[in-house]
Amino acid sequence: AAAAAARAHAGVKTRLVGVVSAHATAYLDSWRAG
């Protein structure tokens, strides 16, 4: 969330890729499920 806020503040177009552990996939599963 901080990286997204900083990107907006800086006005850059850098893509953001979130990284989770393959052994703790709650955020990946939630991102895919909506």
mmCIF file of all heavy atoms, coordinates in Angstrom:
data_MODEL
# 
_entry.id   MODEL 
# 
loop_
_atom_site.group_PDB 
_atom_site.id 
_atom_site.type_symbol 
_atom_site.label_atom_id 
_atom_site.label_alt_id 
_atom_site.label_comp_id 
_atom_site.label_asym_id 
_atom_site.label_entity_id 
_atom_site.label_seq_id 
_atom_site.pdbx_PDB_ins_code 
_atom_site.Cartn_x 
_atom_site.Cartn_y 
_atom_site.Cartn_z 
_atom_site.occupancy 
_atom_site.B_iso_or_equiv 
_atom_site.pdbx_formal_charge 
_atom_site.auth_seq_id 
_atom_site.auth_comp_id 
_atom_site.auth_asym_id 
_atom_site.auth_atom_id 
_atom_site.pdbx_PDB_model_num 
ATOM 1   N N   . ALA A 1 1  ? 0.833   -1.208  0.000   1.00 0.00 ? 1  ALA A N   1 
ATOM 2   C CA  . ALA A 1 1  ? 0.000   0.000   0.000   1.00 0.00 ? 1  ALA A CA  1 
ATOM 3   C C   . ALA A 1 1  ? 0.863   1.251   0.000   1.00 0.00 ? 1  ALA A C   1 
ATOM 4   O O   . ALA A 1 1  ? 0.541   2.256   -0.657  1.00 0.00 ? 1  ALA A O   1 
ATOM 5   C CB  . ALA A 1 1  ? -0.930  -0.007  1.217   1.00 0.00 ? 1  ALA A CB  1 
ATOM 6   N N   . ALA A 1 2  ? 1.974   1.204   0.725   1.00 0.00 ? 2  ALA A N   1 
ATOM 7   C CA  . ALA A 1 2  ? 2.891   2.342   0.772   1.00 0.00 ? 2  ALA A CA  1 
ATOM 8   C C   . ALA A 1 2  ? 3.539   2.579   -0.587  1.00 0.00 ? 2  ALA A C   1 
ATOM 9   O O   . ALA A 1 2  ? 3.713   3.724   -1.017  1.00 0.00 ? 2  ALA A O   1 
ATOM 10  C CB  . ALA A 1 2  ? 3.951   2.105   1.832   1.00 0.00 ? 2  ALA A CB  1 
ATOM 11  N N   . ALA A 1 3  ? 3.912   1.495   -1.274  1.00 0.00 ? 3  ALA A N   1 
ATOM 12  C CA  . ALA A 1 3  ? 4.511   1.637   -2.601  1.00 0.00 ? 3  ALA A CA  1 
ATOM 13  C C   . ALA A 1 3  ? 3.522   2.268   -3.573  1.00 0.00 ? 3  ALA A C   1 
ATOM 14  O O   . ALA A 1 3  ? 3.889   3.120   -4.394  1.00 0.00 ? 3  ALA A O   1 
ATOM 15  C CB  . ALA A 1 3  ? 4.967   0.273   -3.118  1.00 0.00 ? 3  ALA A CB  1 
ATOM 16  N N   . ALA A 1 4  ? 2.255   1.873   -3.486  1.00 0.00 ? 4  ALA A N   1 
ATOM 17  C CA  . ALA A 1 4  ? 1.229   2.458   -4.352  1.00 0.00 ? 4  ALA A CA  1 
ATOM 18  C C   . ALA A 1 4  ? 1.045   3.945   -4.056  1.00 0.00 ? 4  ALA A C   1 
ATOM 19  O O   . ALA A 1 4  ? 0.907   4.761   -4.971  1.00 0.00 ? 4  ALA A O   1 
ATOM 20  C CB  . ALA A 1 4  ? -0.085  1.708   -4.176  1.00 0.00 ? 4  ALA A CB  1 
ATOM 21  N N   . ALA A 1 5  ? 1.046   4.300   -2.773  1.00 0.00 ? 5  ALA A N   1 
ATOM 22  C CA  . ALA A 1 5  ? 0.902   5.709   -2.394  1.00 0.00 ? 5  ALA A CA  1 
ATOM 23  C C   . ALA A 1 5  ? 2.094   6.523   -2.874  1.00 0.00 ? 5  ALA A C   1 
ATOM 24  O O   . ALA A 1 5  ? 1.945   7.653   -3.355  1.00 0.00 ? 5  ALA A O   1 
ATOM 25  C CB  . ALA A 1 5  ? 0.747   5.832   -0.881  1.00 0.00 ? 5  ALA A CB  1 
ATOM 26  N N   . ALA A 1 6  ? 3.290   5.959   -2.744  1.00 0.00 ? 6  ALA A N   1 
ATOM 27  C CA  . ALA A 1 6  ? 4.499   6.664   -3.184  1.00 0.00 ? 6  ALA A CA  1 
ATOM 28  C C   . ALA A 1 6  ? 4.520   6.823   -4.699  1.00 0.00 ? 6  ALA A C   1 
ATOM 29  O O   . ALA A 1 6  ? 4.950   7.863   -5.216  1.00 0.00 ? 6  ALA A O   1 
ATOM 30  C CB  . ALA A 1 6  ? 5.732   5.897   -2.715  1.00 0.00 ? 6  ALA A CB  1 
ATOM 31  N N   . ARG A 1 7  ? 4.055   5.811   -5.417  1.00 0.00 ? 7  ARG A N   1 
ATOM 32  C CA  . ARG A 1 7  ? 3.992   5.910   -6.877  1.00 0.00 ? 7  ARG A CA  1 
ATOM 33  C C   . ARG A 1 7  ? 3.076   7.046   -7.294  1.00 0.00 ? 7  ARG A C   1 
ATOM 34  O O   . ARG A 1 7  ? 3.416   7.845   -8.194  1.00 0.00 ? 7  ARG A O   1 
ATOM 35  C CB  . ARG A 1 7  ? 3.505   4.589   -7.474  1.00 0.00 ? 7  ARG A CB  1 
ATOM 36  C CG  . ARG A 1 7  ? 3.356   4.627   -8.974  1.00 0.00 ? 7  ARG A CG  1 
ATOM 37  C CD  . ARG A 1 7  ? 2.977   3.281   -9.560  1.00 0.00 ? 7  ARG A CD  1 
ATOM 38  N NE  . ARG A 1 7  ? 1.642   2.837   -9.149  1.00 0.00 ? 7  ARG A NE  1 
ATOM 39  C CZ  . ARG A 1 7  ? 1.055   1.731   -9.620  1.00 0.00 ? 7  ARG A CZ  1 
ATOM 40  N NH1 . ARG A 1 7  ? 1.692   0.961   -10.482 1.00 0.00 ? 7  ARG A NH1 1 
ATOM 41  N NH2 . ARG A 1 7  ? -0.156  1.393   -9.205  1.00 0.00 ? 7  ARG A NH2 1 
ATOM 42  N N   . ALA A 1 8  ? 1.926   7.153   -6.645  1.00 0.00 ? 8  ALA A N   1 
ATOM 43  C CA  . ALA A 1 8  ? 0.995   8.239   -6.962  1.00 0.00 ? 8  ALA A CA  1 
ATOM 44  C C   . ALA A 1 8  ? 1.615   9.588   -6.613  1.00 0.00 ? 8  ALA A C   1 
ATOM 45  O O   . ALA A 1 8  ? 1.496   10.563  -7.382  1.00 0.00 ? 8  ALA A O   1 
ATOM 46  C CB  . ALA A 1 8  ? -0.308  8.043   -6.195  1.00 0.00 ? 8  ALA A CB  1 
ATOM 47  N N   . HIS A 1 9  ? 2.295   9.659   -5.481  1.00 0.00 ? 9  HIS A N   1 
ATOM 48  C CA  . HIS A 1 9  ? 2.925   10.917  -5.058  1.00 0.00 ? 9  HIS A CA  1 
ATOM 49  C C   . HIS A 1 9  ? 4.014   11.346  -6.044  1.00 0.00 ? 9  HIS A C   1 
ATOM 50  O O   . HIS A 1 9  ? 4.110   12.527  -6.393  1.00 0.00 ? 9  HIS A O   1 
ATOM 51  C CB  . HIS A 1 9  ? 3.529   10.742  -3.661  1.00 0.00 ? 9  HIS A CB  1 
ATOM 52  C CG  . HIS A 1 9  ? 4.320   11.909  -3.189  1.00 0.00 ? 9  HIS A CG  1 
ATOM 53  N ND1 . HIS A 1 9  ? 3.740   13.053  -2.675  1.00 0.00 ? 9  HIS A ND1 1 
ATOM 54  C CD2 . HIS A 1 9  ? 5.668   12.128  -3.154  1.00 0.00 ? 9  HIS A CD2 1 
ATOM 55  C CE1 . HIS A 1 9  ? 4.680   13.922  -2.351  1.00 0.00 ? 9  HIS A CE1 1 
ATOM 56  N NE2 . HIS A 1 9  ? 5.855   13.387  -2.635  1.00 0.00 ? 9  HIS A NE2 1 
ATOM 57  N N   . ALA A 1 10 ? 4.824   10.371  -6.498  1.00 0.00 ? 10 ALA A N   1 
ATOM 58  C CA  . ALA A 1 10 ? 5.936   10.683  -7.392  1.00 0.00 ? 10 ALA A CA  1 
ATOM 59  C C   . ALA A 1 10 ? 5.495   10.866  -8.837  1.00 0.00 ? 10 ALA A C   1 
ATOM 60  O O   . ALA A 1 10 ? 6.240   11.418  -9.654  1.00 0.00 ? 10 ALA A O   1 
ATOM 61  C CB  . ALA A 1 10 ? 6.991   9.572   -7.303  1.00 0.00 ? 10 ALA A CB  1 
ATOM 62  N N   . GLY A 1 11 ? 4.297   10.397  -9.168  1.00 0.00 ? 11 GLY A N   1 
ATOM 63  C CA  . GLY A 1 11 ? 3.794   10.536  -10.527 1.00 0.00 ? 11 GLY A CA  1 
ATOM 64  C C   . GLY A 1 11 ? 4.519   9.676   -11.539 1.00 0.00 ? 11 GLY A C   1 
ATOM 65  O O   . GLY A 1 11 ? 4.641   10.042  -12.712 1.00 0.00 ? 11 GLY A O   1 
ATOM 66  N N   . VAL A 1 12 ? 5.001   8.492   -11.112 1.00 0.00 ? 12 VAL A N   1 
ATOM 67  C CA  . VAL A 1 12 ? 5.695   7.589   -12.031 1.00 0.00 ? 12 VAL A CA  1 
ATOM 68  C C   . VAL A 1 12 ? 4.753   6.485   -12.499 1.00 0.00 ? 12 VAL A C   1 
ATOM 69  O O   . VAL A 1 12 ? 3.700   6.260   -11.913 1.00 0.00 ? 12 VAL A O   1 
ATOM 70  C CB  . VAL A 1 12 ? 6.946   6.982   -11.365 1.00 0.00 ? 12 VAL A CB  1 
ATOM 71  C CG1 . VAL A 1 12 ? 7.933   8.064   -10.989 1.00 0.00 ? 12 VAL A CG1 1 
ATOM 72  C CG2 . VAL A 1 12 ? 6.569   6.152   -10.136 1.00 0.00 ? 12 VAL A CG2 1 
ATOM 73  N N   . LYS A 1 13 ? 5.162   5.803   -13.569 1.00 0.00 ? 13 LYS A N   1 
ATOM 74  C CA  . LYS A 1 13 ? 4.330   4.752   -14.162 1.00 0.00 ? 13 LYS A CA  1 
ATOM 75  C C   . LYS A 1 13 ? 4.833   3.353   -13.843 1.00 0.00 ? 13 LYS A C   1 
ATOM 76  O O   . LYS A 1 13 ? 4.398   2.365   -14.453 1.00 0.00 ? 13 LYS A O   1 
ATOM 77  C CB  . LYS A 1 13 ? 4.288   4.938   -15.689 1.00 0.00 ? 13 LYS A CB  1 
ATOM 78  C CG  . LYS A 1 13 ? 3.794   6.310   -16.138 1.00 0.00 ? 13 LYS A CG  1 
ATOM 79  C CD  . LYS A 1 13 ? 2.371   6.568   -15.673 1.00 0.00 ? 13 LYS A CD  1 
ATOM 80  C CE  . LYS A 1 13 ? 1.852   7.902   -16.193 1.00 0.00 ? 13 LYS A CE  1 
ATOM 81  N NZ  . LYS A 1 13 ? 0.500   8.206   -15.672 1.00 0.00 ? 13 LYS A NZ  1 
ATOM 82  N N   . THR A 1 14 ? 5.721   3.235   -12.890 1.00 0.00 ? 14 THR A N   1 
ATOM 83  C CA  . THR A 1 14 ? 6.287   1.946   -12.516 1.00 0.00 ? 14 THR A CA  1 
ATOM 84  C C   . THR A 1 14 ? 5.191   0.941   -12.154 1.00 0.00 ? 14 THR A C   1 
ATOM 85  O O   . THR A 1 14 ? 4.291   1.249   -11.374 1.00 0.00 ? 14 THR A O   1 
ATOM 86  C CB  . THR A 1 14 ? 7.235   2.115   -11.314 1.00 0.00 ? 14 THR A CB  1 
ATOM 87  O OG1 . THR A 1 14 ? 8.292   3.006   -11.670 1.00 0.00 ? 14 THR A OG1 1 
ATOM 88  C CG2 . THR A 1 14 ? 7.811   0.777   -10.865 1.00 0.00 ? 14 THR A CG2 1 
ATOM 89  N N   . ARG A 1 15 ? 5.272   -0.243  -12.722 1.00 0.00 ? 15 ARG A N   1 
ATOM 90  C CA  . ARG A 1 15 ? 4.327   -1.291  -12.383 1.00 0.00 ? 15 ARG A CA  1 
ATOM 91  C C   . ARG A 1 15 ? 4.676   -1.857  -11.003 1.00 0.00 ? 15 ARG A C   1 
ATOM 92  O O   . ARG A 1 15 ? 5.859   -1.959  -10.648 1.00 0.00 ? 15 ARG A O   1 
ATOM 93  C CB  . ARG A 1 15 ? 4.379   -2.411  -13.424 1.00 0.00 ? 15 ARG A CB  1 
ATOM 94  C CG  . ARG A 1 15 ? 3.962   -1.968  -14.823 1.00 0.00 ? 15 ARG A CG  1 
ATOM 95  C CD  . ARG A 1 15 ? 4.102   -3.118  -15.804 1.00 0.00 ? 15 ARG A CD  1 
ATOM 96  N NE  . ARG A 1 15 ? 3.735   -2.724  -17.155 1.00 0.00 ? 15 ARG A NE  1 
ATOM 97  C CZ  . ARG A 1 15 ? 3.751   -3.542  -18.205 1.00 0.00 ? 15 ARG A CZ  1 
ATOM 98  N NH1 . ARG A 1 15 ? 4.103   -4.816  -18.049 1.00 0.00 ? 15 ARG A NH1 1 
ATOM 99  N NH2 . ARG A 1 15 ? 3.407   -3.103  -19.395 1.00 0.00 ? 15 ARG A NH2 1 
ATOM 100 N N   . LEU A 1 16 ? 3.670   -2.250  -10.267 1.00 0.00 ? 16 LEU A N   1 
ATOM 101 C CA  . LEU A 1 16 ? 3.873   -2.823  -8.944  1.00 0.00 ? 16 LEU A CA  1 
ATOM 102 C C   . LEU A 1 16 ? 3.474   -4.297  -8.955  1.00 0.00 ? 16 LEU A C   1 
ATOM 103 O O   . LEU A 1 16 ? 2.361   -4.637  -9.349  1.00 0.00 ? 16 LEU A O   1 
ATOM 104 C CB  . LEU A 1 16 ? 3.045   -2.078  -7.896  1.00 0.00 ? 16 LEU A CB  1 
ATOM 105 C CG  . LEU A 1 16 ? 3.349   -0.588  -7.714  1.00 0.00 ? 16 LEU A CG  1 
ATOM 106 C CD1 . LEU A 1 16 ? 2.429   0.003   -6.644  1.00 0.00 ? 16 LEU A CD1 1 
ATOM 107 C CD2 . LEU A 1 16 ? 4.812   -0.364  -7.338  1.00 0.00 ? 16 LEU A CD2 1 
ATOM 108 N N   . VAL A 1 17 ? 4.403   -5.132  -8.534  1.00 0.00 ? 17 VAL A N   1 
ATOM 109 C CA  . VAL A 1 17 ? 4.143   -6.569  -8.436  1.00 0.00 ? 17 VAL A CA  1 
ATOM 110 C C   . VAL A 1 17 ? 4.243   -6.975  -6.969  1.00 0.00 ? 17 VAL A C   1 
ATOM 111 O O   . VAL A 1 17 ? 5.292   -6.812  -6.337  1.00 0.00 ? 17 VAL A O   1 
ATOM 112 C CB  . VAL A 1 17 ? 5.139   -7.380  -9.283  1.00 0.00 ? 17 VAL A CB  1 
ATOM 113 C CG1 . VAL A 1 17 ? 4.942   -8.887  -9.048  1.00 0.00 ? 17 VAL A CG1 1 
ATOM 114 C CG2 . VAL A 1 17 ? 4.957   -7.054  -10.760 1.00 0.00 ? 17 VAL A CG2 1 
ATOM 115 N N   . GLY A 1 18 ? 3.144   -7.477  -6.415  1.00 0.00 ? 18 GLY A N   1 
ATOM 116 C CA  . GLY A 1 18 ? 3.141   -7.970  -5.049  1.00 0.00 ? 18 GLY A CA  1 
ATOM 117 C C   . GLY A 1 18 ? 3.690   -9.384  -4.999  1.00 0.00 ? 18 GLY A C   1 
ATOM 118 O O   . GLY A 1 18 ? 3.487   -10.175 -5.922  1.00 0.00 ? 18 GLY A O   1 
ATOM 119 N N   . VAL A 1 19 ? 4.388   -9.685  -3.908  1.00 0.00 ? 19 VAL A N   1 
ATOM 120 C CA  . VAL A 1 19 ? 5.024   -10.994 -3.768  1.00 0.00 ? 19 VAL A CA  1 
ATOM 121 C C   . VAL A 1 19 ? 4.574   -11.643 -2.467  1.00 0.00 ? 19 VAL A C   1 
ATOM 122 O O   . VAL A 1 19 ? 4.722   -11.056 -1.389  1.00 0.00 ? 19 VAL A O   1 
ATOM 123 C CB  . VAL A 1 19 ? 6.560   -10.867 -3.773  1.00 0.00 ? 19 VAL A CB  1 
ATOM 124 C CG1 . VAL A 1 19 ? 7.205   -12.252 -3.730  1.00 0.00 ? 19 VAL A CG1 1 
ATOM 125 C CG2 . VAL A 1 19 ? 7.040   -10.077 -4.987  1.00 0.00 ? 19 VAL A CG2 1 
ATOM 126 N N   . VAL A 1 20 ? 4.019   -12.836 -2.564  1.00 0.00 ? 20 VAL A N   1 
ATOM 127 C CA  . VAL A 1 20 ? 3.618   -13.599 -1.379  1.00 0.00 ? 20 VAL A CA  1 
ATOM 128 C C   . VAL A 1 20 ? 4.441   -14.875 -1.307  1.00 0.00 ? 20 VAL A C   1 
ATOM 129 O O   . VAL A 1 20 ? 5.076   -15.280 -2.283  1.00 0.00 ? 20 VAL A O   1 
ATOM 130 C CB  . VAL A 1 20 ? 2.113   -13.950 -1.395  1.00 0.00 ? 20 VAL A CB  1 
ATOM 131 C CG1 . VAL A 1 20 ? 1.263   -12.705 -1.559  1.00 0.00 ? 20 VAL A CG1 1 
ATOM 132 C CG2 . VAL A 1 20 ? 1.797   -14.968 -2.493  1.00 0.00 ? 20 VAL A CG2 1 
ATOM 133 N N   . SER A 1 21 ? 4.415   -15.507 -0.144  1.00 0.00 ? 21 SER A N   1 
ATOM 134 C CA  . SER A 1 21 ? 5.018   -16.831 -0.015  1.00 0.00 ? 21 SER A CA  1 
ATOM 135 C C   . SER A 1 21 ? 4.086   -17.869 -0.628  1.00 0.00 ? 21 SER A C   1 
ATOM 136 O O   . SER A 1 21 ? 2.864   -17.813 -0.440  1.00 0.00 ? 21 SER A O   1 
ATOM 137 C CB  . SER A 1 21 ? 5.257   -17.157 1.461   1.00 0.00 ? 21 SER A CB  1 
ATOM 138 O OG  . SER A 1 21 ? 5.617   -18.524 1.608   1.00 0.00 ? 21 SER A OG  1 
ATOM 139 N N   . ALA A 1 22 ? 4.659   -18.815 -1.339  1.00 0.00 ? 22 ALA A N   1 
ATOM 140 C CA  . ALA A 1 22 ? 3.868   -19.922 -1.891  1.00 0.00 ? 22 ALA A CA  1 
ATOM 141 C C   . ALA A 1 22 ? 3.302   -20.797 -0.782  1.00 0.00 ? 22 ALA A C   1 
ATOM 142 O O   . ALA A 1 22 ? 2.433   -21.639 -1.035  1.00 0.00 ? 22 ALA A O   1 
ATOM 143 C CB  . ALA A 1 22 ? 4.729   -20.763 -2.827  1.00 0.00 ? 22 ALA A CB  1 
ATOM 144 N N   . HIS A 1 23 ? 3.771   -20.577 0.450   1.00 0.00 ? 23 HIS A N   1 
ATOM 145 C CA  . HIS A 1 23 ? 3.306   -21.337 1.602   1.00 0.00 ? 23 HIS A CA  1 
ATOM 146 C C   . HIS A 1 23 ? 2.427   -20.482 2.519   1.00 0.00 ? 23 HIS A C   1 
ATOM 147 O O   . HIS A 1 23 ? 2.182   -20.847 3.670   1.00 0.00 ? 23 HIS A O   1 
ATOM 148 C CB  . HIS A 1 23 ? 4.506   -21.881 2.372   1.00 0.00 ? 23 HIS A CB  1 
ATOM 149 C CG  . HIS A 1 23 ? 5.591   -22.408 1.472   1.00 0.00 ? 23 HIS A CG  1 
ATOM 150 N ND1 . HIS A 1 23 ? 5.449   -23.578 0.750   1.00 0.00 ? 23 HIS A ND1 1 
ATOM 151 C CD2 . HIS A 1 23 ? 6.805   -21.903 1.139   1.00 0.00 ? 23 HIS A CD2 1 
ATOM 152 C CE1 . HIS A 1 23 ? 6.546   -23.773 0.025   1.00 0.00 ? 23 HIS A CE1 1 
ATOM 153 N NE2 . HIS A 1 23 ? 7.372   -22.771 0.243   1.00 0.00 ? 23 HIS A NE2 1 
ATOM 154 N N   . ALA A 1 24 ? 1.960   -19.353 1.987   1.00 0.00 ? 24 ALA A N   1 
ATOM 155 C CA  . ALA A 1 24 ? 1.046   -18.455 2.712   1.00 0.00 ? 24 ALA A CA  1 
ATOM 156 C C   . ALA A 1 24 ? 0.370   -17.578 1.659   1.00 0.00 ? 24 ALA A C   1 
ATOM 157 O O   . ALA A 1 24 ? 0.733   -16.424 1.455   1.00 0.00 ? 24 ALA A O   1 
ATOM 158 C CB  . ALA A 1 24 ? 1.802   -17.601 3.729   1.00 0.00 ? 24 ALA A CB  1 
ATOM 159 N N   . THR A 1 25 ? -0.613  -18.139 0.979   1.00 0.00 ? 25 THR A N   1 
ATOM 160 C CA  . THR A 1 25 ? -1.122  -17.530 -0.259  1.00 0.00 ? 25 THR A CA  1 
ATOM 161 C C   . THR A 1 25 ? -2.419  -16.736 -0.091  1.00 0.00 ? 25 THR A C   1 
ATOM 162 O O   . THR A 1 25 ? -3.125  -16.490 -1.070  1.00 0.00 ? 25 THR A O   1 
ATOM 163 C CB  . THR A 1 25 ? -1.355  -18.625 -1.319  1.00 0.00 ? 25 THR A CB  1 
ATOM 164 O OG1 . THR A 1 25 ? -2.287  -19.589 -0.792  1.00 0.00 ? 25 THR A OG1 1 
ATOM 165 C CG2 . THR A 1 25 ? -0.055  -19.315 -1.686  1.00 0.00 ? 25 THR A CG2 1 
ATOM 166 N N   . ALA A 1 26 ? -2.732  -16.296 1.122   1.00 0.00 ? 26 ALA A N   1 
ATOM 167 C CA  . ALA A 1 26 ? -4.019  -15.627 1.348   1.00 0.00 ? 26 ALA A CA  1 
ATOM 168 C C   . ALA A 1 26 ? -4.218  -14.422 0.427   1.00 0.00 ? 26 ALA A C   1 
ATOM 169 O O   . ALA A 1 26 ? -5.295  -14.251 -0.164  1.00 0.00 ? 26 ALA A O   1 
ATOM 170 C CB  . ALA A 1 26 ? -4.133  -15.196 2.814   1.00 0.00 ? 26 ALA A CB  1 
ATOM 171 N N   . TYR A 1 27 ? -3.191  -13.588 0.281   1.00 0.00 ? 27 TYR A N   1 
ATOM 172 C CA  . TYR A 1 27 ? -3.357  -12.392 -0.546  1.00 0.00 ? 27 TYR A CA  1 
ATOM 173 C C   . TYR A 1 27 ? -3.415  -12.725 -2.031  1.00 0.00 ? 27 TYR A C   1 
ATOM 174 O O   . TYR A 1 27 ? -4.185  -12.108 -2.780  1.00 0.00 ? 27 TYR A O   1 
ATOM 175 C CB  . TYR A 1 27 ? -2.236  -11.382 -0.264  1.00 0.00 ? 27 TYR A CB  1 
ATOM 176 C CG  . TYR A 1 27 ? -2.565  -10.462 0.887   1.00 0.00 ? 27 TYR A CG  1 
ATOM 177 C CD1 . TYR A 1 27 ? -2.134  -10.738 2.177   1.00 0.00 ? 27 TYR A CD1 1 
ATOM 178 C CD2 . TYR A 1 27 ? -3.336  -9.317  0.691   1.00 0.00 ? 27 TYR A CD2 1 
ATOM 179 C CE1 . TYR A 1 27 ? -2.453  -9.903  3.236   1.00 0.00 ? 27 TYR A CE1 1 
ATOM 180 C CE2 . TYR A 1 27 ? -3.661  -8.469  1.740   1.00 0.00 ? 27 TYR A CE2 1 
ATOM 181 C CZ  . TYR A 1 27 ? -3.217  -8.767  3.010   1.00 0.00 ? 27 TYR A CZ  1 
ATOM 182 O OH  . TYR A 1 27 ? -3.546  -7.939  4.064   1.00 0.00 ? 27 TYR A OH  1 
ATOM 183 N N   . LEU A 1 28 ? -2.649  -13.692 -2.477  1.00 0.00 ? 28 LEU A N   1 
ATOM 184 C CA  . LEU A 1 28 ? -2.726  -14.102 -3.876  1.00 0.00 ? 28 LEU A CA  1 
ATOM 185 C C   . LEU A 1 28 ? -4.090  -14.708 -4.175  1.00 0.00 ? 28 LEU A C   1 
ATOM 186 O O   . LEU A 1 28 ? -4.736  -14.350 -5.180  1.00 0.00 ? 28 LEU A O   1 
ATOM 187 C CB  . LEU A 1 28 ? -1.616  -15.113 -4.182  1.00 0.00 ? 28 LEU A CB  1 
ATOM 188 C CG  . LEU A 1 28 ? -1.650  -15.755 -5.572  1.00 0.00 ? 28 LEU A CG  1 
ATOM 189 C CD1 . LEU A 1 28 ? -1.574  -14.714 -6.666  1.00 0.00 ? 28 LEU A CD1 1 
ATOM 190 C CD2 . LEU A 1 28 ? -0.524  -16.784 -5.704  1.00 0.00 ? 28 LEU A CD2 1 
ATOM 191 N N   . ASP A 1 29 ? -4.553  -15.604 -3.319  1.00 0.00 ? 29 ASP A N   1 
ATOM 192 C CA  . ASP A 1 29 ? -5.857  -16.237 -3.521  1.00 0.00 ? 29 ASP A CA  1 
ATOM 193 C C   . ASP A 1 29 ? -6.976  -15.193 -3.499  1.00 0.00 ? 29 ASP A C   1 
ATOM 194 O O   . ASP A 1 29 ? -7.921  -15.255 -4.302  1.00 0.00 ? 29 ASP A O   1 
ATOM 195 C CB  . ASP A 1 29 ? -6.114  -17.283 -2.438  1.00 0.00 ? 29 ASP A CB  1 
ATOM 196 C CG  . ASP A 1 29 ? -5.114  -18.425 -2.458  1.00 0.00 ? 29 ASP A CG  1 
ATOM 197 O OD1 . ASP A 1 29 ? -4.430  -18.591 -3.492  1.00 0.00 ? 29 ASP A OD1 1 
ATOM 198 O OD2 . ASP A 1 29 ? -5.013  -19.141 -1.443  1.00 0.00 ? 29 ASP A OD2 1 
ATOM 199 N N   . SER A 1 30 ? -6.865  -14.235 -2.597  1.00 0.00 ? 30 SER A N   1 
ATOM 200 C CA  . SER A 1 30 ? -7.885  -13.191 -2.478  1.00 0.00 ? 30 SER A CA  1 
ATOM 201 C C   . SER A 1 30 ? -7.856  -12.264 -3.678  1.00 0.00 ? 30 SER A C   1 
ATOM 202 O O   . SER A 1 30 ? -8.906  -11.831 -4.181  1.00 0.00 ? 30 SER A O   1 
ATOM 203 C CB  . SER A 1 30 ? -7.657  -12.395 -1.183  1.00 0.00 ? 30 SER A CB  1 
ATOM 204 O OG  . SER A 1 30 ? -7.719  -13.233 -0.041  1.00 0.00 ? 30 SER A OG  1 
ATOM 205 N N   . TRP A 1 31 ? -6.659  -11.924 -4.146  1.00 0.00 ? 31 TRP A N   1 
ATOM 206 C CA  . TRP A 1 31 ? -6.513  -11.060 -5.325  1.00 0.00 ? 31 TRP A CA  1 
ATOM 207 C C   . TRP A 1 31 ? -7.158  -11.723 -6.543  1.00 0.00 ? 31 TRP A C   1 
ATOM 208 O O   . TRP A 1 31 ? -7.849  -11.074 -7.323  1.00 0.00 ? 31 TRP A O   1 
ATOM 209 C CB  . TRP A 1 31 ? -5.023  -10.802 -5.558  1.00 0.00 ? 31 TRP A CB  1 
ATOM 210 C CG  . TRP A 1 31 ? -4.696  -9.889  -6.699  1.00 0.00 ? 31 TRP A CG  1 
ATOM 211 C CD1 . TRP A 1 31 ? -4.878  -8.542  -6.761  1.00 0.00 ? 31 TRP A CD1 1 
ATOM 212 C CD2 . TRP A 1 31 ? -4.096  -10.275 -7.947  1.00 0.00 ? 31 TRP A CD2 1 
ATOM 213 N NE1 . TRP A 1 31 ? -4.424  -8.059  -7.973  1.00 0.00 ? 31 TRP A NE1 1 
ATOM 214 C CE2 . TRP A 1 31 ? -3.940  -9.093  -8.709  1.00 0.00 ? 31 TRP A CE2 1 
ATOM 215 C CE3 . TRP A 1 31 ? -3.665  -11.481 -8.480  1.00 0.00 ? 31 TRP A CE3 1 
ATOM 216 C CZ2 . TRP A 1 31 ? -3.367  -9.103  -9.978  1.00 0.00 ? 31 TRP A CZ2 1 
ATOM 217 C CZ3 . TRP A 1 31 ? -3.097  -11.492 -9.750  1.00 0.00 ? 31 TRP A CZ3 1 
ATOM 218 C CH2 . TRP A 1 31 ? -2.964  -10.308 -10.488 1.00 0.00 ? 31 TRP A CH2 1 
ATOM 219 N N   . ARG A 1 32 ? -6.955  -13.015 -6.685  1.00 0.00 ? 32 ARG A N   1 
ATOM 220 C CA  . ARG A 1 32 ? -7.542  -13.732 -7.814  1.00 0.00 ? 32 ARG A CA  1 
ATOM 221 C C   . ARG A 1 32 ? -9.053  -13.889 -7.675  1.00 0.00 ? 32 ARG A C   1 
ATOM 222 O O   . ARG A 1 32 ? -9.789  -13.773 -8.651  1.00 0.00 ? 32 ARG A O   1 
ATOM 223 C CB  . ARG A 1 32 ? -6.895  -15.122 -7.928  1.00 0.00 ? 32 ARG A CB  1 
ATOM 224 C CG  . ARG A 1 32 ? -5.463  -15.101 -8.444  1.00 0.00 ? 32 ARG A CG  1 
ATOM 225 C CD  . ARG A 1 32 ? -4.838  -16.484 -8.377  1.00 0.00 ? 32 ARG A CD  1 
ATOM 226 N NE  . ARG A 1 32 ? -3.534  -16.527 -9.039  1.00 0.00 ? 32 ARG A NE  1 
ATOM 227 C CZ  . ARG A 1 32 ? -2.672  -17.539 -8.926  1.00 0.00 ? 32 ARG A CZ  1 
ATOM 228 N NH1 . ARG A 1 32 ? -2.993  -18.606 -8.190  1.00 0.00 ? 32 ARG A NH1 1 
ATOM 229 N NH2 . ARG A 1 32 ? -1.512  -17.502 -9.553  1.00 0.00 ? 32 ARG A NH2 1 
ATOM 230 N N   . ALA A 1 33 ? -9.512  -14.123 -6.449  1.00 0.00 ? 33 ALA A N   1 
ATOM 231 C CA  . ALA A 1 33 ? -10.937 -14.367 -6.223  1.00 0.00 ? 33 ALA A CA  1 
ATOM 232 C C   . ALA A 1 33 ? -11.759 -13.088 -6.222  1.00 0.00 ? 33 ALA A C   1 
ATOM 233 O O   . ALA A 1 33 ? -12.969 -13.120 -6.470  1.00 0.00 ? 33 ALA A O   1 
ATOM 234 C CB  . ALA A 1 33 ? -11.126 -15.099 -4.889  1.00 0.00 ? 33 ALA A CB  1 
ATOM 235 N N   . GLY A 1 34 ? -11.112 -11.961 -5.921  1.00 0.00 ? 34 GLY A N   1 
ATOM 236 C CA  . GLY A 1 34 ? -11.838 -10.699 -5.840  1.00 0.00 ? 34 GLY A CA  1 
ATOM 237 C C   . GLY A 1 34 ? -12.469 -10.447 -4.496  1.00 0.00 ? 34 GLY A C   1 
ATOM 238 O O   . GLY A 1 34 ? -13.219 -9.497  -4.312  1.00 0.00 ? 34 GLY A O   1 
# 
